[in-house]
Amino acid sequence: MNTLQLTETVGAIAAKDYRNTKVFRQLGINFSYAGNKTLEEASKEAGVTLDEVKVALEQNNLPKPPAALEFNNWNID
């Protein structure tokens, strides 16, 4: 994971890089219905420490998707 902003919501972190959803699922963090919560709030609800989440996200070493699949960079047209 590039830069982790603790004020970002889990929904934004998941949308920024869909590979993070695997980590959220493994840790029991709801990133869809409760996606408007900060990483700290969501980790507390899931019963894991913020440090555990940070380490898991940093160690998330799934292959980077091809640029064509990074929908946040697509033109609206």
N, C-alpha and C. Protein backbone atom coordinates (compact mmCIF):
# COMPACT_ATOMS: atom_id res chain seq x y z
N MET A 1 0.85 -1.17 0.00
CA MET A 1 0.00 0.00 0.00
C MET A 1 0.89 1.22 0.00
N ASN A 2 0.56 2.19 -0.81
CA ASN A 2 1.42 3.36 -0.96
C ASN A 2 1.45 4.20 0.31
N THR A 3 0.50 5.07 0.47
CA THR A 3 0.46 5.91 1.65
C THR A 3 -0.87 5.71 2.34
N LEU A 4 -0.81 5.41 3.60
CA LEU A 4 -2.01 5.15 4.37
C LEU A 4 -2.37 6.40 5.14
N GLN A 5 -3.53 6.94 4.84
CA GLN A 5 -4.03 8.12 5.54
C GLN A 5 -5.07 7.65 6.55
N LEU A 6 -4.79 7.83 7.82
CA LEU A 6 -5.68 7.33 8.86
C LEU A 6 -7.02 8.04 8.87
N THR A 7 -7.11 9.19 8.23
CA THR A 7 -8.38 9.90 8.17
C THR A 7 -9.24 9.45 6.99
N GLU A 8 -8.67 8.64 6.11
CA GLU A 8 -9.44 8.12 4.99
C GLU A 8 -10.44 7.08 5.48
N THR A 9 -11.53 6.98 4.77
CA THR A 9 -12.51 5.95 5.12
C THR A 9 -12.09 4.62 4.51
N VAL A 10 -12.59 3.54 5.10
CA VAL A 10 -12.26 2.23 4.56
C VAL A 10 -12.83 2.06 3.16
N GLY A 11 -13.95 2.70 2.88
CA GLY A 11 -14.51 2.66 1.53
C GLY A 11 -13.58 3.31 0.53
N ALA A 12 -12.97 4.43 0.89
CA ALA A 12 -12.04 5.12 0.00
C ALA A 12 -10.77 4.31 -0.19
N ILE A 13 -10.30 3.67 0.88
CA ILE A 13 -9.09 2.84 0.77
C ILE A 13 -9.36 1.65 -0.14
N ALA A 14 -10.53 1.06 -0.02
CA ALA A 14 -10.89 -0.07 -0.88
C ALA A 14 -11.05 0.37 -2.33
N ALA A 15 -11.64 1.54 -2.55
CA ALA A 15 -11.83 2.03 -3.91
C ALA A 15 -10.52 2.43 -4.56
N LYS A 16 -9.58 2.92 -3.76
CA LYS A 16 -8.29 3.34 -4.29
C LYS A 16 -7.52 2.15 -4.85
N ASP A 17 -7.62 1.02 -4.17
CA ASP A 17 -6.93 -0.19 -4.62
C ASP A 17 -7.76 -1.38 -4.17
N TYR A 18 -8.46 -1.99 -5.10
CA TYR A 18 -9.39 -3.06 -4.76
C TYR A 18 -8.70 -4.25 -4.09
N ARG A 19 -7.38 -4.36 -4.22
CA ARG A 19 -6.66 -5.46 -3.59
C ARG A 19 -6.73 -5.37 -2.06
N ASN A 20 -6.98 -4.17 -1.53
CA ASN A 20 -7.10 -4.00 -0.08
C ASN A 20 -8.36 -4.67 0.47
N THR A 21 -9.34 -4.93 -0.39
CA THR A 21 -10.56 -5.57 0.09
C THR A 21 -10.29 -6.97 0.62
N LYS A 22 -9.27 -7.64 0.09
CA LYS A 22 -8.91 -8.96 0.59
C LYS A 22 -8.48 -8.88 2.06
N VAL A 23 -7.68 -7.88 2.37
CA VAL A 23 -7.22 -7.67 3.75
C VAL A 23 -8.41 -7.36 4.65
N PHE A 24 -9.28 -6.47 4.19
CA PHE A 24 -10.45 -6.09 4.99
C PHE A 24 -11.33 -7.31 5.27
N ARG A 25 -11.54 -8.14 4.25
CA ARG A 25 -12.35 -9.35 4.45
C ARG A 25 -11.70 -10.28 5.48
N GLN A 26 -10.40 -10.49 5.36
CA GLN A 26 -9.69 -11.39 6.27
C GLN A 26 -9.76 -10.90 7.72
N LEU A 27 -9.77 -9.59 7.91
CA LEU A 27 -9.78 -9.03 9.26
C LEU A 27 -11.20 -8.75 9.77
N GLY A 28 -12.20 -8.97 8.94
CA GLY A 28 -13.58 -8.74 9.35
C GLY A 28 -13.98 -7.28 9.34
N ILE A 29 -13.31 -6.49 8.51
CA ILE A 29 -13.63 -5.06 8.41
C ILE A 29 -14.63 -4.85 7.29
N ASN A 30 -15.76 -4.24 7.64
CA ASN A 30 -16.82 -3.98 6.67
C ASN A 30 -16.46 -2.71 5.89
N PHE A 31 -16.18 -2.87 4.61
CA PHE A 31 -15.78 -1.72 3.79
C PHE A 31 -16.88 -1.28 2.84
N SER A 32 -17.99 -1.99 2.82
CA SER A 32 -19.05 -1.60 1.90
C SER A 32 -20.17 -0.86 2.64
N TYR A 33 -20.91 -1.54 3.48
CA TYR A 33 -22.01 -0.90 4.19
C TYR A 33 -21.52 0.11 5.22
N ALA A 34 -20.38 -0.16 5.82
CA ALA A 34 -19.80 0.76 6.80
C ALA A 34 -18.57 1.45 6.22
N GLY A 35 -18.56 1.65 4.92
CA GLY A 35 -17.41 2.22 4.24
C GLY A 35 -17.13 3.66 4.56
N ASN A 36 -18.05 4.32 5.26
CA ASN A 36 -17.84 5.73 5.60
C ASN A 36 -17.10 5.92 6.91
N LYS A 37 -16.63 4.83 7.51
CA LYS A 37 -15.90 4.93 8.77
C LYS A 37 -14.40 5.02 8.51
N THR A 38 -13.71 5.68 9.43
CA THR A 38 -12.25 5.74 9.30
C THR A 38 -11.66 4.37 9.57
N LEU A 39 -10.43 4.21 9.19
CA LEU A 39 -9.74 2.94 9.41
C LEU A 39 -9.69 2.61 10.90
N GLU A 40 -9.48 3.61 11.72
CA GLU A 40 -9.43 3.40 13.17
C GLU A 40 -10.77 2.92 13.71
N GLU A 41 -11.86 3.58 13.29
CA GLU A 41 -13.20 3.18 13.75
C GLU A 41 -13.54 1.76 13.30
N ALA A 42 -13.26 1.47 12.05
CA ALA A 42 -13.61 0.16 11.49
C ALA A 42 -12.79 -0.96 12.13
N SER A 43 -11.53 -0.68 12.44
CA SER A 43 -10.70 -1.72 13.07
C SER A 43 -11.18 -2.00 14.50
N LYS A 44 -11.58 -0.96 15.22
CA LYS A 44 -12.12 -1.16 16.56
C LYS A 44 -13.37 -2.03 16.52
N GLU A 45 -14.26 -1.75 15.57
CA GLU A 45 -15.49 -2.53 15.44
C GLU A 45 -15.20 -3.99 15.09
N ALA A 46 -14.14 -4.21 14.33
CA ALA A 46 -13.79 -5.57 13.92
C ALA A 46 -12.99 -6.30 15.00
N GLY A 47 -12.56 -5.59 16.03
CA GLY A 47 -11.82 -6.22 17.12
C GLY A 47 -10.36 -6.47 16.80
N VAL A 48 -9.81 -5.66 15.90
CA VAL A 48 -8.38 -5.76 15.59
C VAL A 48 -7.74 -4.40 15.84
N THR A 49 -6.45 -4.42 16.11
CA THR A 49 -5.77 -3.16 16.37
C THR A 49 -5.46 -2.45 15.05
N LEU A 50 -5.30 -1.17 15.15
CA LEU A 50 -4.95 -0.38 13.98
C LEU A 50 -3.60 -0.80 13.44
N ASP A 51 -2.68 -1.15 14.32
CA ASP A 51 -1.36 -1.61 13.88
C ASP A 51 -1.46 -2.90 13.08
N GLU A 52 -2.33 -3.81 13.51
CA GLU A 52 -2.53 -5.06 12.76
C GLU A 52 -3.03 -4.78 11.35
N VAL A 53 -3.95 -3.84 11.25
CA VAL A 53 -4.51 -3.50 9.94
C VAL A 53 -3.44 -2.86 9.07
N LYS A 54 -2.68 -1.93 9.64
CA LYS A 54 -1.63 -1.27 8.87
C LYS A 54 -0.61 -2.28 8.34
N VAL A 55 -0.17 -3.19 9.20
CA VAL A 55 0.81 -4.20 8.79
C VAL A 55 0.23 -5.08 7.69
N ALA A 56 -1.00 -5.51 7.86
CA ALA A 56 -1.63 -6.38 6.86
C ALA A 56 -1.76 -5.66 5.52
N LEU A 57 -2.13 -4.39 5.54
CA LEU A 57 -2.25 -3.63 4.29
C LEU A 57 -0.89 -3.43 3.63
N GLU A 58 0.13 -3.19 4.44
CA GLU A 58 1.47 -3.00 3.89
C GLU A 58 2.04 -4.30 3.33
N GLN A 59 1.65 -5.43 3.91
CA GLN A 59 2.15 -6.72 3.45
C GLN A 59 1.29 -7.31 2.34
N ASN A 60 0.24 -6.63 1.99
CA ASN A 60 -0.64 -7.10 0.93
C ASN A 60 0.14 -7.06 -0.37
N ASN A 61 0.65 -8.20 -0.78
CA ASN A 61 1.55 -8.24 -1.93
C ASN A 61 0.94 -8.92 -3.14
N LEU A 62 -0.34 -8.73 -3.32
CA LEU A 62 -0.96 -9.25 -4.54
C LEU A 62 -0.40 -8.48 -5.73
N PRO A 63 -0.39 -9.09 -6.90
CA PRO A 63 0.15 -8.39 -8.06
C PRO A 63 -0.66 -7.12 -8.37
N LYS A 64 0.07 -6.09 -8.77
CA LYS A 64 -0.58 -4.82 -9.12
C LYS A 64 -1.40 -5.02 -10.38
N PRO A 65 -2.63 -4.51 -10.42
CA PRO A 65 -3.46 -4.70 -11.60
C PRO A 65 -2.91 -3.90 -12.78
N PRO A 66 -3.18 -4.37 -14.00
CA PRO A 66 -2.76 -3.59 -15.17
C PRO A 66 -3.42 -2.21 -15.15
N ALA A 67 -2.76 -1.25 -15.73
CA ALA A 67 -3.27 0.13 -15.73
C ALA A 67 -4.68 0.21 -16.30
N ALA A 68 -5.00 -0.65 -17.24
CA ALA A 68 -6.33 -0.64 -17.86
C ALA A 68 -7.42 -0.97 -16.85
N LEU A 69 -7.10 -1.64 -15.76
CA LEU A 69 -8.09 -2.01 -14.75
C LEU A 69 -8.19 -1.00 -13.61
N GLU A 70 -7.38 0.02 -13.62
CA GLU A 70 -7.45 1.04 -12.58
C GLU A 70 -8.52 2.06 -12.97
N PHE A 71 -9.77 1.73 -12.62
CA PHE A 71 -10.91 2.51 -13.09
C PHE A 71 -10.92 3.94 -12.58
N ASN A 72 -10.22 4.23 -11.50
CA ASN A 72 -10.17 5.61 -11.01
C ASN A 72 -9.42 6.53 -11.96
N ASN A 73 -8.63 5.95 -12.87
CA ASN A 73 -7.88 6.74 -13.84
C ASN A 73 -8.55 6.79 -15.19
N TRP A 74 -9.70 6.18 -15.36
CA TRP A 74 -10.39 6.19 -16.65
C TRP A 74 -10.98 7.57 -16.91
N ASN A 75 -11.04 7.92 -18.19
CA ASN A 75 -11.75 9.15 -18.59
C ASN A 75 -13.24 8.92 -18.45
N ILE A 76 -13.95 9.95 -18.13
CA ILE A 76 -15.39 9.84 -17.98
C ILE A 76 -16.06 9.54 -19.33
N ASP A 77 -15.44 9.99 -20.38
CA ASP A 77 -16.00 9.73 -21.71
C ASP A 77 -16.09 8.27 -21.92
